[in-house]
Amino acid sequence: MKLKTYFSLVLTGAALAVSGAAQAWPDRPIELVVGFAPGGGTDITARTLAKFLEDELGKPVTVINKPGASGAIGLAYVGRSKPDGYTIGMTNMPGLVSLPIERDAGFTLDSFTYLGNLVRDPSAFSVTMDSPYKSVKDIIEKAKASPEEISYGSTGVGTDDHLALVLFEDETSADLNHVPYNGAGPLRNAVLGGHTAVGGMNLGEAMPYHGKNLRILAQASEERSPLAPDVPTFKEQGVDLVFASERGIVGPKGIPEDVTASLRGALKKIAATPEFQKHMQQQFTEMDYLDGDEWLARLKAADERFRKLWLETPWTE
């Protein structure tokens, strides 16, 4: 065999091997990282999504909880991971944007490949059924008369639950005592146990307990949610508060284009699946699908808004 022909065959074989490797993705299990404790809305959404991703990609998708620092530990872990598509993470807005503004969170918006946003879950204020607070007005009056006496629990500093409080206080001049937790599960237990007077949980996190153990006083959509028609909005009660958690999927920056396309395609298909939509409705969570590029554009706009808010009302103080 001539030397030139030999090297030609070697190079052709190498090219085919590389092509075959790319086509083989995924060839092992995928990690879906959640930066909060099990039992909260982000965790439940992730576990539902994982089952659909398994069917779509043909490989196991394992949810890994890395709670702490208001979700920053999990997001930083994803941002530092090898960009091969085998480690992805479920984000929670506004923490994805707000955490790098308030501190060195271990990641920035530039740390990720944006695969797609899936759902939104309005912020809400909840109390126990025997709470003396029967309305948002009751909380405002008490918080003004006795500043910082009412304890308000959130899922962490800089999360949507915390920033909902910041915006609420700015709008009403009420003054509550913020108490952060490592996720909606621990927060809900604290409210039910009487350790925290008001729980800043998302609508989807509180609705399974509404009318049983908890009373949702208000939720922060423009209008009442069709998934919770008996829960009034803040706006109905005179407070101009519209705010929600947005949950999407990212991977580390630098994921190969073909793998990114596969993940984006899978998420788009899943979001359009009636069965997945039904699961989200059962979790009182609203669909809000955006592909990766559209989502990143919206995140950049949100980053600008939150940087202005930080200058006016630093939420860690």
Protein backbone atom coordinates (compact mmCIF):
# COMPACT_ATOMS: atom_id res chain seq x y z
CA MET A 1 0.00 0.00 0.00
CA LYS A 2 1.32 3.41 -0.94
CA LEU A 3 2.15 5.72 1.98
CA LYS A 4 -0.17 8.46 0.66
CA THR A 5 -3.09 6.01 0.40
CA TYR A 6 -2.34 4.67 3.90
CA PHE A 7 -2.48 8.12 5.51
CA SER A 8 -5.61 8.94 3.54
CA LEU A 9 -7.34 5.88 4.97
CA VAL A 10 -6.15 6.72 8.48
CA LEU A 11 -7.48 10.27 8.26
CA THR A 12 -10.76 9.07 6.80
CA GLY A 13 -11.12 6.56 9.60
CA ALA A 14 -10.38 9.20 12.22
CA ALA A 15 -12.98 11.53 10.71
CA LEU A 16 -15.57 8.77 10.73
CA ALA A 17 -14.73 7.98 14.36
CA VAL A 18 -15.19 11.62 15.37
CA SER A 19 -18.44 11.80 13.42
CA GLY A 20 -19.67 8.59 15.02
CA ALA A 21 -18.81 9.88 18.49
CA ALA A 22 -20.76 13.06 17.89
CA GLN A 23 -23.75 11.12 16.61
CA ALA A 24 -23.60 8.83 19.62
CA TRP A 25 -24.47 11.59 22.09
CA PRO A 26 -25.79 10.84 24.63
CA ASP A 27 -24.07 7.55 25.37
CA ARG A 28 -24.33 7.74 29.17
CA PRO A 29 -26.62 9.21 31.89
CA ILE A 30 -27.20 12.96 32.17
CA GLU A 31 -27.21 14.98 35.42
CA LEU A 32 -29.92 17.60 35.90
CA VAL A 33 -28.77 19.82 38.77
CA VAL A 34 -31.19 21.69 41.07
CA GLY A 35 -29.79 24.33 43.42
CA PHE A 36 -32.48 23.86 46.07
CA ALA A 37 -33.56 21.20 48.54
CA PRO A 38 -36.01 18.51 47.40
CA GLY A 39 -39.72 19.28 47.57
CA GLY A 40 -39.83 22.82 46.17
CA GLY A 41 -41.29 23.98 42.87
CA THR A 42 -37.97 24.01 41.01
CA ASP A 43 -37.17 20.49 42.20
CA ILE A 44 -40.60 19.14 41.28
CA THR A 45 -40.47 20.71 37.82
CA ALA A 46 -37.01 19.24 37.29
CA ARG A 47 -38.08 15.74 38.32
CA THR A 48 -41.04 15.87 35.95
CA LEU A 49 -38.84 17.13 33.12
CA ALA A 50 -36.24 14.43 33.78
CA LYS A 51 -38.74 11.68 32.96
CA PHE A 52 -39.64 13.29 29.64
CA LEU A 53 -35.97 13.93 28.79
CA GLU A 54 -35.20 10.26 29.41
CA ASP A 55 -37.84 9.23 26.90
CA GLU A 56 -36.70 11.82 24.37
CA LEU A 57 -32.93 11.26 24.65
CA GLY A 58 -32.94 7.54 25.43
CA LYS A 59 -30.66 7.76 28.45
CA PRO A 60 -31.27 8.12 32.21
CA VAL A 61 -31.57 11.69 33.51
CA THR A 62 -30.80 11.96 37.21
CA VAL A 63 -31.83 14.95 39.32
CA ILE A 64 -29.00 16.05 41.61
CA ASN A 65 -29.85 18.48 44.44
CA LYS A 66 -27.08 20.89 45.43
CA PRO A 67 -28.86 23.33 47.76
CA GLY A 68 -27.39 26.40 49.35
CA ALA A 69 -26.59 30.07 48.78
CA SER A 70 -30.02 30.73 47.25
CA GLY A 71 -29.33 28.33 44.40
CA ALA A 72 -25.85 29.68 43.62
CA ILE A 73 -24.05 26.46 44.61
CA GLY A 74 -25.95 24.44 42.03
CA LEU A 75 -25.61 27.01 39.26
CA ALA A 76 -21.89 27.47 39.93
CA TYR A 77 -21.43 23.70 39.76
CA VAL A 78 -23.11 23.59 36.35
CA GLY A 79 -21.07 26.55 35.09
CA ARG A 80 -17.81 24.82 36.09
CA SER A 81 -18.75 21.44 34.61
CA LYS A 82 -17.31 19.97 31.42
CA PRO A 83 -19.29 21.37 28.48
CA ASP A 84 -20.24 18.03 26.97
CA GLY A 85 -24.00 18.05 27.54
CA TYR A 86 -23.92 15.53 30.37
CA THR A 87 -24.37 18.14 33.12
CA ILE A 88 -27.25 20.57 32.81
CA GLY A 89 -29.10 22.60 35.39
CA MET A 90 -32.56 23.94 36.09
CA THR A 91 -32.43 27.66 36.75
CA ASN A 92 -34.70 29.82 38.82
CA MET A 93 -35.30 33.45 37.91
CA PRO A 94 -34.49 35.99 39.18
CA GLY A 95 -31.67 34.26 41.06
CA LEU A 96 -29.95 33.43 37.79
CA VAL A 97 -29.66 37.19 37.21
CA SER A 98 -29.78 38.68 40.70
CA LEU A 99 -27.17 36.53 42.49
CA PRO A 100 -24.16 37.72 40.40
CA ILE A 101 -25.33 41.32 40.93
CA GLU A 102 -25.36 41.14 44.71
CA ARG A 103 -22.18 39.08 45.25
CA ASP A 104 -19.53 36.84 43.74
CA ALA A 105 -21.87 33.93 43.07
CA GLY A 106 -19.38 31.73 41.25
CA PHE A 107 -21.08 32.32 37.91
CA THR A 108 -22.36 35.09 35.64
CA LEU A 109 -24.80 35.18 32.72
CA ASP A 110 -21.80 34.42 30.50
CA SER A 111 -21.13 31.11 32.27
CA PHE A 112 -23.82 29.14 30.47
CA THR A 113 -25.24 27.75 27.25
CA TYR A 114 -28.93 28.66 27.25
CA LEU A 115 -31.14 25.75 26.20
CA GLY A 116 -34.66 27.03 26.89
CA ASN A 117 -37.07 28.42 29.45
CA LEU A 118 -40.02 26.18 30.26
CA VAL A 119 -42.42 27.62 32.83
CA ARG A 120 -43.26 30.53 35.09
CA ASP A 121 -44.67 30.36 38.63
CA PRO A 122 -46.05 33.59 40.17
CA SER A 123 -44.82 34.77 43.57
CA ALA A 124 -47.33 34.46 46.40
CA PHE A 125 -47.76 35.19 50.11
CA SER A 126 -49.15 32.35 52.25
CA VAL A 127 -50.07 31.95 55.91
CA THR A 128 -51.47 29.13 58.04
CA MET A 129 -55.21 28.67 58.20
CA ASP A 130 -55.33 29.97 61.78
CA SER A 131 -53.14 33.02 61.06
CA PRO A 132 -54.44 36.40 62.29
CA TYR A 133 -53.61 37.79 58.82
CA LYS A 134 -56.62 37.33 56.58
CA SER A 135 -55.56 39.67 53.78
CA VAL A 136 -52.61 41.60 52.38
CA LYS A 137 -54.09 44.69 54.02
CA ASP A 138 -53.75 43.04 57.44
CA ILE A 139 -50.04 42.44 56.82
CA ILE A 140 -49.43 46.00 55.62
CA GLU A 141 -51.18 47.57 58.63
CA LYS A 142 -49.37 45.37 61.15
CA ALA A 143 -45.98 45.79 59.45
CA LYS A 144 -46.32 49.55 59.51
CA ALA A 145 -47.46 49.64 63.12
CA SER A 146 -44.78 47.18 64.29
CA PRO A 147 -41.84 47.20 61.87
CA GLU A 148 -39.98 43.89 61.45
CA GLU A 149 -42.32 42.07 63.83
CA ILE A 150 -43.87 39.95 61.08
CA SER A 151 -41.45 37.26 59.90
CA TYR A 152 -41.37 36.55 56.18
CA GLY A 153 -39.67 33.41 54.90
CA SER A 154 -38.12 33.09 51.44
CA THR A 155 -36.14 30.43 49.61
CA GLY A 156 -32.97 32.50 49.95
CA VAL A 157 -31.41 35.93 49.56
CA GLY A 158 -31.83 37.22 46.02
CA THR A 159 -34.43 34.64 44.99
CA ASP A 160 -37.78 35.58 43.48
CA ASP A 161 -39.44 35.10 46.88
CA HIS A 162 -37.03 37.52 48.50
CA LEU A 163 -37.23 40.09 45.71
CA ALA A 164 -41.02 39.88 45.81
CA LEU A 165 -40.71 41.06 49.42
CA VAL A 166 -38.31 43.86 48.41
CA LEU A 167 -40.77 45.08 45.79
CA PHE A 168 -43.71 44.67 48.20
CA GLU A 169 -42.00 46.73 50.89
CA ASP A 170 -41.00 49.38 48.36
CA GLU A 171 -44.58 49.61 47.09
CA THR A 172 -46.33 49.64 50.48
CA SER A 173 -43.70 51.05 52.91
CA ALA A 174 -44.36 48.00 55.10
CA ASP A 175 -41.37 46.55 56.98
CA LEU A 176 -41.16 42.77 57.49
CA ASN A 177 -38.40 40.60 58.96
CA HIS A 178 -36.83 38.53 56.18
CA VAL A 179 -35.84 34.94 57.07
CA PRO A 180 -34.10 32.95 54.27
CA TYR A 181 -34.33 29.14 53.86
CA ASN A 182 -32.64 26.66 51.50
CA GLY A 183 -35.73 25.93 49.42
CA ALA A 184 -39.50 25.83 49.42
CA GLY A 185 -39.64 22.50 51.25
CA PRO A 186 -37.87 23.76 54.41
CA LEU A 187 -39.71 27.08 54.13
CA ARG A 188 -43.12 25.43 53.93
CA ASN A 189 -42.30 23.32 57.00
CA ALA A 190 -41.29 26.47 58.87
CA VAL A 191 -44.58 28.18 58.03
CA LEU A 192 -46.67 25.12 58.91
CA GLY A 193 -44.70 24.74 62.15
CA GLY A 194 -45.39 28.33 63.17
CA HIS A 195 -41.75 29.42 62.93
CA THR A 196 -42.42 31.92 60.15
CA ALA A 197 -45.60 34.00 59.88
CA VAL A 198 -45.67 34.52 56.12
CA GLY A 199 -44.27 32.18 53.47
CA GLY A 200 -43.02 33.71 50.23
CA MET A 201 -43.61 30.61 48.15
CA ASN A 202 -44.58 30.46 44.50
CA LEU A 203 -48.20 29.80 43.65
CA GLY A 204 -47.45 26.28 42.44
CA GLU A 205 -45.58 25.48 45.65
CA ALA A 206 -48.42 26.65 47.91
CA MET A 207 -51.51 25.55 45.97
CA PRO A 208 -51.43 21.85 46.99
CA TYR A 209 -51.86 23.07 50.59
CA HIS A 210 -54.26 25.95 49.93
CA GLY A 211 -57.46 25.67 51.93
CA LYS A 212 -56.05 22.73 53.89
CA ASN A 213 -52.95 23.79 55.81
CA LEU A 214 -52.25 27.14 54.15
CA ARG A 215 -54.18 30.17 52.98
CA ILE A 216 -52.72 31.99 49.99
CA LEU A 217 -53.41 35.68 50.56
CA ALA A 218 -52.28 36.90 47.14
CA GLN A 219 -50.36 35.92 44.02
CA ALA A 220 -48.35 38.22 41.78
CA SER A 221 -49.79 37.79 38.28
CA GLU A 222 -51.48 40.54 36.29
CA GLU A 223 -54.73 38.60 36.56
CA ARG A 224 -56.00 35.62 38.52
CA SER A 225 -54.48 32.39 37.33
CA PRO A 226 -56.87 29.93 35.66
CA LEU A 227 -55.02 27.29 37.67
CA ALA A 228 -56.00 29.01 40.95
CA PRO A 229 -59.10 31.12 40.24
CA ASP A 230 -59.97 31.65 43.91
CA VAL A 231 -56.60 33.22 44.77
CA PRO A 232 -56.68 37.03 44.40
CA THR A 233 -53.85 39.03 42.90
CA PHE A 234 -51.85 41.66 44.76
CA LYS A 235 -53.16 44.22 42.28
CA GLU A 236 -56.74 43.43 43.30
CA GLN A 237 -55.73 44.35 46.84
CA GLY A 238 -54.13 47.65 45.90
CA VAL A 239 -50.51 46.53 45.64
CA ASP A 240 -48.88 46.88 42.22
CA LEU A 241 -46.77 43.73 42.44
CA VAL A 242 -46.35 41.50 39.37
CA PHE A 243 -43.51 39.02 39.73
CA ALA A 244 -42.77 35.35 39.05
CA SER A 245 -40.17 32.64 39.10
CA GLU A 246 -39.08 31.46 35.66
CA ARG A 247 -37.59 27.99 35.30
CA GLY A 248 -35.37 26.98 32.43
CA ILE A 249 -32.44 24.76 31.51
CA VAL A 250 -28.80 25.73 31.02
CA GLY A 251 -25.55 23.92 30.50
CA PRO A 252 -21.94 25.05 30.82
CA LYS A 253 -20.73 27.56 28.24
CA GLY A 254 -19.12 25.86 25.24
CA ILE A 255 -21.35 22.83 24.68
CA PRO A 256 -20.83 21.62 21.09
CA GLU A 257 -23.34 23.01 18.61
CA ASP A 258 -24.79 19.62 17.67
CA VAL A 259 -25.34 18.67 21.32
CA THR A 260 -26.85 22.09 22.05
CA ALA A 261 -29.21 21.62 19.10
CA SER A 262 -30.23 18.18 20.38
CA LEU A 263 -30.97 19.48 23.87
CA ARG A 264 -32.85 22.52 22.57
CA GLY A 265 -34.86 20.34 20.22
CA ALA A 266 -35.76 17.94 23.02
CA LEU A 267 -36.92 20.76 25.30
CA LYS A 268 -38.99 22.37 22.55
CA LYS A 269 -40.68 19.06 21.78
CA ILE A 270 -41.35 18.33 25.45
CA ALA A 271 -42.80 21.81 26.06
CA ALA A 272 -45.29 21.22 23.24
CA THR A 273 -46.34 17.81 24.54
CA PRO A 274 -49.89 17.80 25.99
CA GLU A 275 -48.86 15.27 28.64
CA PHE A 276 -46.05 17.51 29.92
CA GLN A 277 -48.38 20.52 29.88
CA LYS A 278 -50.89 18.50 31.89
CA HIS A 279 -48.25 17.75 34.52
CA MET A 280 -47.43 21.45 34.78
CA GLN A 281 -51.11 22.30 35.21
CA GLN A 282 -51.38 19.72 37.98
CA GLN A 283 -48.44 21.48 39.65
CA PHE A 284 -50.24 24.84 39.21
CA THR A 285 -47.35 26.00 37.03
CA GLU A 286 -47.86 28.05 33.86
CA MET A 287 -46.14 27.17 30.57
CA ASP A 288 -43.73 29.86 29.33
CA TYR A 289 -41.50 28.22 26.73
CA LEU A 290 -38.77 30.29 25.06
CA ASP A 291 -35.92 28.88 23.00
CA GLY A 292 -32.38 29.52 24.19
CA ASP A 293 -31.67 32.65 22.15
CA GLU A 294 -35.00 34.35 22.96
CA TRP A 295 -34.60 33.44 26.60
CA LEU A 296 -31.10 34.90 26.80
CA ALA A 297 -32.35 38.17 25.29
CA ARG A 298 -35.04 38.35 27.98
CA LEU A 299 -32.49 37.56 30.70
CA LYS A 300 -30.22 40.37 29.52
CA ALA A 301 -33.14 42.80 29.74
CA ALA A 302 -33.91 41.50 33.25
CA ASP A 303 -30.26 41.94 34.21
CA GLU A 304 -30.50 45.62 33.30
CA ARG A 305 -33.67 46.06 35.38
CA PHE A 306 -32.24 44.32 38.43
CA ARG A 307 -29.01 46.30 38.30
CA LYS A 308 -31.08 49.49 38.47
CA LEU A 309 -33.11 48.04 41.37
CA TRP A 310 -29.87 47.11 43.18
CA LEU A 311 -28.67 50.72 42.97
CA GLU A 312 -31.99 51.97 44.37
CA THR A 313 -32.77 49.21 46.89
CA PRO A 314 -29.89 46.81 47.67
CA TRP A 315 -31.75 43.69 48.77
CA THR A 316 -29.03 42.20 50.98
CA GLU A 317 -29.17 45.11 53.41
